[in-house]
Amino acid sequence: ITAMQAVLAAGGPKEDAAMGRVVLFRRIDSEMSEVHIL
C-alpha cells in the first residue's frame, strides 16, 4: 500500500489537511526514525 492509499483508507483527508506536505516517519531502529516529506 502507498501513502496516498493509506490516507484514503483512513477515510481521506479533511478539508484543511495539508496534503502538499505529508510527513512519513520510518523507523530505522528502536531509537531513531527517518523523516520523508511527501
PDB file of all heavy atoms in Angstrom:
ATOM      1  N   ILE A   1       0.851  -1.187   0.000  1.00  0.00           N
ATOM      2  CA  ILE A   1       0.000   0.000   0.000  1.00  0.00           C
ATOM      3  C   ILE A   1       0.888   1.239   0.000  1.00  0.00           C
ATOM      4  O   ILE A   1       1.959   1.252   0.621  1.00  0.00           O
ATOM      5  CB  ILE A   1      -0.941  -0.008   1.228  1.00  0.00           C
ATOM      6  CG1 ILE A   1      -1.956   1.138   1.158  1.00  0.00           C
ATOM      7  CG2 ILE A   1      -0.149   0.042   2.514  1.00  0.00           C
ATOM      8  CD1 ILE A   1      -3.004   1.064   2.270  1.00  0.00           C
ATOM      9  N   THR A   2       0.459   2.274  -0.721  1.00  0.00           N
ATOM     10  CA  THR A   2       1.213   3.524  -0.749  1.00  0.00           C
ATOM     11  C   THR A   2       0.682   4.480   0.307  1.00  0.00           C
ATOM     12  O   THR A   2      -0.367   4.247   0.918  1.00  0.00           O
ATOM     13  CB  THR A   2       1.107   4.187  -2.131  1.00  0.00           C
ATOM     14  OG1 THR A   2      -0.250   4.624  -2.342  1.00  0.00           O
ATOM     15  CG2 THR A   2       1.511   3.219  -3.241  1.00  0.00           C
ATOM     16  N   ALA A   3       1.414   5.575   0.490  1.00  0.00           N
ATOM     17  CA  ALA A   3       0.998   6.570   1.476  1.00  0.00           C
ATOM     18  C   ALA A   3      -0.369   7.153   1.114  1.00  0.00           C
ATOM     19  O   ALA A   3      -1.237   7.311   1.985  1.00  0.00           O
ATOM     20  CB  ALA A   3       2.045   7.678   1.561  1.00  0.00           C
ATOM     21  N   MET A   4      -0.591   7.471  -0.171  1.00  0.00           N
ATOM     22  CA  MET A   4      -1.872   8.027  -0.587  1.00  0.00           C
ATOM     23  C   MET A   4      -3.000   7.033  -0.355  1.00  0.00           C
ATOM     24  O   MET A   4      -4.087   7.413   0.115  1.00  0.00           O
ATOM     25  CB  MET A   4      -1.820   8.413  -2.070  1.00  0.00           C
ATOM     26  CG  MET A   4      -3.046   9.185  -2.537  1.00  0.00           C
ATOM     27  SD  MET A   4      -3.190  10.784  -1.700  1.00  0.00           S
ATOM     28  CE  MET A   4      -4.737  11.395  -2.364  1.00  0.00           C
ATOM     29  N   GLN A   5      -2.765   5.774  -0.634  1.00  0.00           N
ATOM     30  CA  GLN A   5      -3.793   4.754  -0.403  1.00  0.00           C
ATOM     31  C   GLN A   5      -4.104   4.619   1.081  1.00  0.00           C
ATOM     32  O   GLN A   5      -5.255   4.405   1.464  1.00  0.00           O
ATOM     33  CB  GLN A   5      -3.322   3.412  -0.979  1.00  0.00           C
ATOM     34  CG  GLN A   5      -3.289   3.380  -2.498  1.00  0.00           C
ATOM     35  CD  GLN A   5      -2.619   2.130  -3.036  1.00  0.00           C
ATOM     36  OE1 GLN A   5      -1.757   1.537  -2.389  1.00  0.00           O
ATOM     37  NE2 GLN A   5      -3.013   1.718  -4.238  1.00  0.00           N
ATOM     38  N   ALA A   6      -3.094   4.761   1.926  1.00  0.00           N
ATOM     39  CA  ALA A   6      -3.317   4.676   3.368  1.00  0.00           C
ATOM     40  C   ALA A   6      -4.161   5.847   3.853  1.00  0.00           C
ATOM     41  O   ALA A   6      -5.029   5.686   4.717  1.00  0.00           O
ATOM     42  CB  ALA A   6      -1.976   4.646   4.098  1.00  0.00           C
ATOM     43  N   VAL A   7      -3.923   7.035   3.298  1.00  0.00           N
ATOM     44  CA  VAL A   7      -4.726   8.207   3.671  1.00  0.00           C
ATOM     45  C   VAL A   7      -6.186   7.988   3.264  1.00  0.00           C
ATOM     46  O   VAL A   7      -7.114   8.267   4.029  1.00  0.00           O
ATOM     47  CB  VAL A   7      -4.165   9.479   3.006  1.00  0.00           C
ATOM     48  CG1 VAL A   7      -5.129  10.658   3.192  1.00  0.00           C
ATOM     49  CG2 VAL A   7      -2.800   9.821   3.595  1.00  0.00           C
ATOM     50  N   LEU A   8      -6.383   7.450   2.065  1.00  0.00           N
ATOM     51  CA  LEU A   8      -7.751   7.180   1.608  1.00  0.00           C
ATOM     52  C   LEU A   8      -8.409   6.092   2.451  1.00  0.00           C
ATOM     53  O   LEU A   8      -9.602   6.165   2.755  1.00  0.00           O
ATOM     54  CB  LEU A   8      -7.733   6.776   0.130  1.00  0.00           C
ATOM     55  CG  LEU A   8      -7.268   7.866  -0.845  1.00  0.00           C
ATOM     56  CD1 LEU A   8      -7.208   7.317  -2.259  1.00  0.00           C
ATOM     57  CD2 LEU A   8      -8.184   9.082  -0.780  1.00  0.00           C
ATOM     58  N   ALA A   9      -7.639   5.091   2.858  1.00  0.00           N
ATOM     59  CA  ALA A   9      -8.178   4.024   3.711  1.00  0.00           C
ATOM     60  C   ALA A   9      -8.563   4.557   5.088  1.00  0.00           C
ATOM     61  O   ALA A   9      -9.393   3.958   5.779  1.00  0.00           O
ATOM     62  CB  ALA A   9      -7.161   2.890   3.845  1.00  0.00           C
ATOM     63  N   ALA A  10      -7.958   5.673   5.480  1.00  0.00           N
ATOM     64  CA  ALA A  10      -8.301   6.319   6.751  1.00  0.00           C
ATOM     65  C   ALA A  10      -9.476   7.278   6.591  1.00  0.00           C
ATOM     66  O   ALA A  10      -9.681   8.150   7.440  1.00  0.00           O
ATOM     67  CB  ALA A  10      -7.088   7.057   7.296  1.00  0.00           C
ATOM     68  N   GLY A  11     -10.213   7.152   5.507  1.00  0.00           N
ATOM     69  CA  GLY A  11     -11.382   7.983   5.286  1.00  0.00           C
ATOM     70  C   GLY A  11     -11.119   9.198   4.427  1.00  0.00           C
ATOM     71  O   GLY A  11     -12.033   9.956   4.110  1.00  0.00           O
ATOM     72  N   GLY A  12      -9.842   9.393   4.055  1.00  0.00           N
ATOM     73  CA  GLY A  12      -9.483  10.544   3.249  1.00  0.00           C
ATOM     74  C   GLY A  12      -9.096  11.737   4.094  1.00  0.00           C
ATOM     75  O   GLY A  12      -9.347  11.782   5.302  1.00  0.00           O
ATOM     76  N   PRO A  13      -8.495  12.753   3.465  1.00  0.00           N
ATOM     77  CA  PRO A  13      -8.079  13.943   4.208  1.00  0.00           C
ATOM     78  C   PRO A  13      -9.262  14.844   4.539  1.00  0.00           C
ATOM     79  O   PRO A  13     -10.261  14.878   3.821  1.00  0.00           O
ATOM     80  CB  PRO A  13      -7.119  14.631   3.230  1.00  0.00           C
ATOM     81  CG  PRO A  13      -7.587  14.198   1.878  1.00  0.00           C
ATOM     82  CD  PRO A  13      -8.100  12.798   2.042  1.00  0.00           C
ATOM     83  N   LYS A  14      -9.133  15.576   5.628  1.00  0.00           N
ATOM     84  CA  LYS A  14     -10.125  16.599   5.966  1.00  0.00           C
ATOM     85  C   LYS A  14      -9.920  17.824   5.074  1.00  0.00           C
ATOM     86  O   LYS A  14      -8.922  17.934   4.367  1.00  0.00           O
ATOM     87  CB  LYS A  14     -10.005  16.983   7.442  1.00  0.00           C
ATOM     88  CG  LYS A  14     -10.348  15.862   8.395  1.00  0.00           C
ATOM     89  CD  LYS A  14     -10.239  16.324   9.849  1.00  0.00           C
ATOM     90  CE  LYS A  14     -10.601  15.219  10.819  1.00  0.00           C
ATOM     91  NZ  LYS A  14     -10.473  15.657  12.231  1.00  0.00           N
ATOM     92  N   GLU A  15     -10.872  18.728   5.131  1.00  0.00           N
ATOM     93  CA  GLU A  15     -10.837  19.886   4.238  1.00  0.00           C
ATOM     94  C   GLU A  15      -9.590  20.747   4.440  1.00  0.00           C
ATOM     95  O   GLU A  15      -9.044  21.302   3.485  1.00  0.00           O
ATOM     96  CB  GLU A  15     -12.093  20.744   4.431  1.00  0.00           C
ATOM     97  CG  GLU A  15     -13.378  20.090   3.928  1.00  0.00           C
ATOM     98  CD  GLU A  15     -14.570  21.016   4.036  1.00  0.00           C
ATOM     99  OE1 GLU A  15     -14.371  22.188   4.442  1.00  0.00           O
ATOM    100  OE2 GLU A  15     -15.689  20.584   3.714  1.00  0.00           O
ATOM    101  N   ASP A  16      -9.133  20.864   5.686  1.00  0.00           N
ATOM    102  CA  ASP A  16      -7.983  21.730   5.939  1.00  0.00           C
ATOM    103  C   ASP A  16      -6.667  20.959   6.000  1.00  0.00           C
ATOM    104  O   ASP A  16      -5.658  21.469   6.492  1.00  0.00           O
ATOM    105  CB  ASP A  16      -8.180  22.507   7.234  1.00  0.00           C
ATOM    106  CG  ASP A  16      -8.415  21.581   8.423  1.00  0.00           C
ATOM    107  OD1 ASP A  16      -8.634  20.374   8.195  1.00  0.00           O
ATOM    108  OD2 ASP A  16      -8.397  22.070   9.576  1.00  0.00           O
ATOM    109  N   ALA A  17      -6.644  19.714   5.496  1.00  0.00           N
ATOM    110  CA  ALA A  17      -5.419  18.911   5.513  1.00  0.00           C
ATOM    111  C   ALA A  17      -4.400  19.459   4.516  1.00  0.00           C
ATOM    112  O   ALA A  17      -4.743  19.840   3.400  1.00  0.00           O
ATOM    113  CB  ALA A  17      -5.739  17.453   5.181  1.00  0.00           C
ATOM    114  N   ALA A  18      -3.158  19.504   4.932  1.00  0.00           N
ATOM    115  CA  ALA A  18      -2.066  19.972   4.070  1.00  0.00           C
ATOM    116  C   ALA A  18      -1.468  18.782   3.335  1.00  0.00           C
ATOM    117  O   ALA A  18      -0.418  18.253   3.718  1.00  0.00           O
ATOM    118  CB  ALA A  18      -1.012  20.684   4.911  1.00  0.00           C
ATOM    119  N   MET A  19      -2.136  18.334   2.257  1.00  0.00           N
ATOM    120  CA  MET A  19      -1.680  17.157   1.521  1.00  0.00           C
ATOM    121  C   MET A  19      -0.405  17.434   0.716  1.00  0.00           C
ATOM    122  O   MET A  19       0.217  16.513   0.205  1.00  0.00           O
ATOM    123  CB  MET A  19      -2.785  16.676   0.593  1.00  0.00           C
ATOM    124  CG  MET A  19      -3.983  16.108   1.327  1.00  0.00           C
ATOM    125  SD  MET A  19      -3.551  14.612   2.253  1.00  0.00           S
ATOM    126  CE  MET A  19      -3.235  13.471   0.918  1.00  0.00           C
ATOM    127  N   GLY A  20      -0.023  18.676   0.616  1.00  0.00           N
ATOM    128  CA  GLY A  20       1.214  19.005  -0.094  1.00  0.00           C
ATOM    129  C   GLY A  20       2.459  18.755   0.728  1.00  0.00           C
ATOM    130  O   GLY A  20       3.579  18.836   0.211  1.00  0.00           O
ATOM    131  N   ARG A  21       2.265  18.412   1.998  1.00  0.00           N
ATOM    132  CA  ARG A  21       3.433  18.157   2.865  1.00  0.00           C
ATOM    133  C   ARG A  21       3.062  17.119   3.923  1.00  0.00           C
ATOM    134  O   ARG A  21       2.978  17.403   5.113  1.00  0.00           O
ATOM    135  CB  ARG A  21       3.921  19.451   3.516  1.00  0.00           C
ATOM    136  CG  ARG A  21       5.352  19.367   4.040  1.00  0.00           C
ATOM    137  CD  ARG A  21       5.868  20.770   4.379  1.00  0.00           C
ATOM    138  NE  ARG A  21       7.279  20.741   4.719  1.00  0.00           N
ATOM    139  CZ  ARG A  21       7.744  20.650   5.966  1.00  0.00           C
ATOM    140  NH1 ARG A  21       6.893  20.578   6.976  1.00  0.00           N
ATOM    141  NH2 ARG A  21       9.037  20.644   6.197  1.00  0.00           N
ATOM    142  N   VAL A  22       2.844  15.902   3.477  1.00  0.00           N
ATOM    143  CA  VAL A  22       2.548  14.784   4.373  1.00  0.00           C
ATOM    144  C   VAL A  22       3.872  14.226   4.878  1.00  0.00           C
ATOM    145  O   VAL A  22       4.805  13.990   4.091  1.00  0.00           O
ATOM    146  CB  VAL A  22       1.742  13.690   3.652  1.00  0.00           C
ATOM    147  CG1 VAL A  22       1.527  12.486   4.563  1.00  0.00           C
ATOM    148  CG2 VAL A  22       0.403  14.257   3.187  1.00  0.00           C
ATOM    149  N   VAL A  23       3.966  14.013   6.167  1.00  0.00           N
ATOM    150  CA  VAL A  23       5.221  13.562   6.770  1.00  0.00           C
ATOM    151  C   VAL A  23       5.158  12.060   7.024  1.00  0.00           C
ATOM    152  O   VAL A  23       4.214  11.561   7.648  1.00  0.00           O
ATOM    153  CB  VAL A  23       5.497  14.301   8.091  1.00  0.00           C
ATOM    154  CG1 VAL A  23       6.856  13.895   8.655  1.00  0.00           C
ATOM    155  CG2 VAL A  23       5.440  15.809   7.874  1.00  0.00           C
ATOM    156  N   LEU A  24       6.157  11.352   6.531  1.00  0.00           N
ATOM    157  CA  LEU A  24       6.286   9.915   6.765  1.00  0.00           C
ATOM    158  C   LEU A  24       7.458   9.681   7.708  1.00  0.00           C
ATOM    159  O   LEU A  24       8.598  10.053   7.413  1.00  0.00           O
ATOM    160  CB  LEU A  24       6.529   9.175   5.440  1.00  0.00           C
ATOM    161  CG  LEU A  24       6.963   7.711   5.542  1.00  0.00           C
ATOM    162  CD1 LEU A  24       5.913   6.864   6.250  1.00  0.00           C
ATOM    163  CD2 LEU A  24       7.270   7.147   4.161  1.00  0.00           C
ATOM    164  N   PHE A  25       7.173   9.082   8.868  1.00  0.00           N
ATOM    165  CA  PHE A  25       8.211   8.692   9.818  1.00  0.00           C
ATOM    166  C   PHE A  25       8.479   7.202   9.626  1.00  0.00           C
ATOM    167  O   PHE A  25       7.576   6.376   9.797  1.00  0.00           O
ATOM    168  CB  PHE A  25       7.768   8.957  11.260  1.00  0.00           C
ATOM    169  CG  PHE A  25       7.472  10.401  11.548  1.00  0.00           C
ATOM    170  CD1 PHE A  25       6.181  10.897  11.469  1.00  0.00           C
ATOM    171  CD2 PHE A  25       8.503  11.272  11.902  1.00  0.00           C
ATOM    172  CE1 PHE A  25       5.903  12.229  11.748  1.00  0.00           C
ATOM    173  CE2 PHE A  25       8.224  12.610  12.183  1.00  0.00           C
ATOM    174  CZ  PHE A  25       6.930  13.083  12.106  1.00  0.00           C
ATOM    175  N   ARG A  26       9.701   6.865   9.287  1.00  0.00           N
ATOM    176  CA  ARG A  26      10.073   5.452   9.059  1.00  0.00           C
ATOM    177  C   ARG A  26      11.118   5.045  10.085  1.00  0.00           C
ATOM    178  O   ARG A  26      12.226   5.584  10.138  1.00  0.00           O
ATOM    179  CB  ARG A  26      10.608   5.257   7.644  1.00  0.00           C
ATOM    180  CG  ARG A  26      11.116   3.844   7.355  1.00  0.00           C
ATOM    181  CD  ARG A  26      11.139   3.578   5.868  1.00  0.00           C
ATOM    182  NE  ARG A  26       9.763   3.504   5.342  1.00  0.00           N
ATOM    183  CZ  ARG A  26       9.483   3.454   4.033  1.00  0.00           C
ATOM    184  NH1 ARG A  26      10.448   3.482   3.138  1.00  0.00           N
ATOM    185  NH2 ARG A  26       8.220   3.362   3.630  1.00  0.00           N
ATOM    186  N   ARG A  27      10.764   4.085  10.911  1.00  0.00           N
ATOM    187  CA  ARG A  27      11.661   3.670  11.990  1.00  0.00           C
ATOM    188  C   ARG A  27      12.889   2.963  11.426  1.00  0.00           C
ATOM    189  O   ARG A  27      12.780   2.032  10.640  1.00  0.00           O
ATOM    190  CB  ARG A  27      10.922   2.763  12.965  1.00  0.00           C
ATOM    191  CG  ARG A  27      11.744   2.394  14.188  1.00  0.00           C
ATOM    192  CD  ARG A  27      10.905   1.775  15.262  1.00  0.00           C
ATOM    193  NE  ARG A  27      10.288   0.525  14.849  1.00  0.00           N
ATOM    194  CZ  ARG A  27       9.609  -0.260  15.676  1.00  0.00           C
ATOM    195  NH1 ARG A  27       9.430   0.110  16.931  1.00  0.00           N
ATOM    196  NH2 ARG A  27       9.085  -1.374  15.247  1.00  0.00           N
ATOM    197  N   ILE A  28      14.062   3.407  11.851  1.00  0.00           N
ATOM    198  CA  ILE A  28      15.316   2.760  11.469  1.00  0.00           C
ATOM    199  C   ILE A  28      15.651   1.656  12.459  1.00  0.00           C
ATOM    200  O   ILE A  28      16.028   0.551  12.088  1.00  0.00           O
ATOM    201  CB  ILE A  28      16.456   3.798  11.414  1.00  0.00           C
ATOM    202  CG1 ILE A  28      16.134   4.876  10.376  1.00  0.00           C
ATOM    203  CG2 ILE A  28      17.793   3.128  11.101  1.00  0.00           C
ATOM    204  CD1 ILE A  28      17.131   6.013  10.360  1.00  0.00           C
ATOM    205  N   ASP A  29      15.525   1.981  13.741  1.00  0.00           N
ATOM    206  CA  ASP A  29      15.731   1.007  14.810  1.00  0.00           C
ATOM    207  C   ASP A  29      14.888   1.453  15.998  1.00  0.00           C
ATOM    208  O   ASP A  29      14.005   2.299  15.856  1.00  0.00           O
ATOM    209  CB  ASP A  29      17.227   0.880  15.177  1.00  0.00           C
ATOM    210  CG  ASP A  29      17.882   2.228  15.475  1.00  0.00           C
ATOM    211  OD1 ASP A  29      17.200   3.112  16.056  1.00  0.00           O
ATOM    212  OD2 ASP A  29      19.053   2.407  15.133  1.00  0.00           O
ATOM    213  N   SER A  30      15.157   0.884  17.160  1.00  0.00           N
ATOM    214  CA  SER A  30      14.331   1.198  18.327  1.00  0.00           C
ATOM    215  C   SER A  30      14.512   2.630  18.802  1.00  0.00           C
ATOM    216  O   SER A  30      13.696   3.138  19.577  1.00  0.00           O
ATOM    217  CB  SER A  30      14.662   0.230  19.476  1.00  0.00           C
ATOM    218  OG  SER A  30      16.035   0.334  19.833  1.00  0.00           O
ATOM    219  N   GLU A  31      15.556   3.334  18.339  1.00  0.00           N
ATOM    220  CA  GLU A  31      15.844   4.671  18.838  1.00  0.00           C
ATOM    221  C   GLU A  31      15.630   5.777  17.816  1.00  0.00           C
ATOM    222  O   GLU A  31      15.284   6.898  18.179  1.00  0.00           O
ATOM    223  CB  GLU A  31      17.290   4.729  19.348  1.00  0.00           C
ATOM    224  CG  GLU A  31      17.545   3.833  20.561  1.00  0.00           C
ATOM    225  CD  GLU A  31      18.945   4.002  21.102  1.00  0.00           C
ATOM    226  OE1 GLU A  31      19.733   4.763  20.484  1.00  0.00           O
ATOM    227  OE2 GLU A  31      19.257   3.383  22.127  1.00  0.00           O
ATOM    228  N   MET A  32      15.846   5.485  16.527  1.00  0.00           N
ATOM    229  CA  MET A  32      15.830   6.537  15.524  1.00  0.00           C
ATOM    230  C   MET A  32      14.818   6.256  14.417  1.00  0.00           C
ATOM    231  O   MET A  32      14.564   5.104  14.061  1.00  0.00           O
ATOM    232  CB  MET A  32      17.220   6.707  14.899  1.00  0.00           C
ATOM    233  CG  MET A  32      18.309   7.119  15.874  1.00  0.00           C
ATOM    234  SD  MET A  32      18.005   8.738  16.644  1.00  0.00           S
ATOM    235  CE  MET A  32      18.080   9.821  15.204  1.00  0.00           C
ATOM    236  N   SER A  33      14.255   7.347  13.880  1.00  0.00           N
ATOM    237  CA  SER A  33      13.343   7.270  12.733  1.00  0.00           C
ATOM    238  C   SER A  33      13.800   8.259  11.667  1.00  0.00           C
ATOM    239  O   SER A  33      14.318   9.331  11.979  1.00  0.00           O
ATOM    240  CB  SER A  33      11.905   7.589  13.155  1.00  0.00           C
ATOM    241  OG  SER A  33      11.386   6.577  13.993  1.00  0.00           O
ATOM    242  N   GLU A  34      13.579   7.879  10.407  1.00  0.00           N
ATOM    243  CA  GLU A  34      13.902   8.747   9.281  1.00  0.00           C
ATOM    244  C   GLU A  34      12.638   9.470   8.835  1.00  0.00           C
ATOM    245  O   GLU A  34      11.545   8.908   8.874  1.00  0.00           O
ATOM    246  CB  GLU A  34      14.473   7.929   8.128  1.00  0.00           C
ATOM    247  CG  GLU A  34      14.960   8.764   6.956  1.00  0.00           C
ATOM    248  CD  GLU A  34      15.601   7.922   5.870  1.00  0.00           C
ATOM    249  OE1 GLU A  34      15.485   6.688   5.946  1.00  0.00           O
ATOM    250  OE2 GLU A  34      16.196   8.510   4.949  1.00  0.00           O
ATOM    251  N   VAL A  35      12.788  10.728   8.392  1.00  0.00           N
ATOM    252  CA  VAL A  35      11.654  11.554   8.012  1.00  0.00           C
ATOM    253  C   VAL A  35      11.647  11.759   6.492  1.00  0.00           C
ATOM    254  O   VAL A  35      12.669  12.113   5.899  1.00  0.00           O
ATOM    255  CB  VAL A  35      11.713  12.926   8.711  1.00  0.00           C
ATOM    256  CG1 VAL A  35      10.545  13.797   8.271  1.00  0.00           C
ATOM    257  CG2 VAL A  35      11.700  12.748  10.224  1.00  0.00           C
ATOM    258  N   HIS A  36      10.473  11.531   5.861  1.00  0.00           N
ATOM    259  CA  HIS A  36      10.271  11.796   4.439  1.00  0.00           C
ATOM    260  C   HIS A  36       9.099  12.763   4.296  1.00  0.00           C
ATOM    261  O   HIS A  36       8.063  12.593   4.957  1.00  0.00           O
ATOM    262  CB  HIS A  36       9.959  10.504   3.677  1.00  0.00           C
ATOM    263  CG  HIS A  36      11.041   9.476   3.749  1.00  0.00           C
ATOM    264  ND1 HIS A  36      12.051   9.380   2.818  1.00  0.00           N
ATOM    265  CD2 HIS A  36      11.268   8.482   4.655  1.00  0.00           C
ATOM    266  CE1 HIS A  36      12.850   8.384   3.134  1.00  0.00           C
ATOM    267  NE2 HIS A  36      12.405   7.819   4.250  1.00  0.00           N
ATOM    268  N   ILE A  37       9.249  13.768   3.432  1.00  0.00           N
ATOM    269  CA  ILE A  37       8.178  14.717   3.144  1.00  0.00           C
ATOM    270  C   ILE A  37       7.560  14.342   1.798  1.00  0.00           C
ATOM    271  O   ILE A  37       8.254  14.309   0.771  1.00  0.00           O
ATOM    272  CB  ILE A  37       8.689  16.164   3.104  1.00  0.00           C
ATOM    273  CG1 ILE A  37       9.424  16.506   4.416  1.00  0.00           C
ATOM    274  CG2 ILE A  37       7.535  17.122   2.867  1.00  0.00           C
ATOM    275  CD1 ILE A  37       8.558  16.392   5.645  1.00  0.00           C
ATOM    276  N   LEU A  38       6.256  14.045   1.785  1.00  0.00           N
ATOM    277  CA  LEU A  38       5.564  13.594   0.579  1.00  0.00           C
ATOM    278  C   LEU A  38       4.602  14.675   0.097  1.00  0.00           C
ATOM    279  O   LEU A  38       3.828  15.221   0.882  1.00  0.00           O
ATOM    280  CB  LEU A  38       4.793  12.302   0.871  1.00  0.00           C
ATOM    281  CG  LEU A  38       5.593  11.159   1.514  1.00  0.00           C
ATOM    282  CD1 LEU A  38       4.680   9.955   1.734  1.00  0.00           C
ATOM    283  CD2 LEU A  38       6.793  10.780   0.674  1.00  0.00           C
TER     284      LEU A  38
END
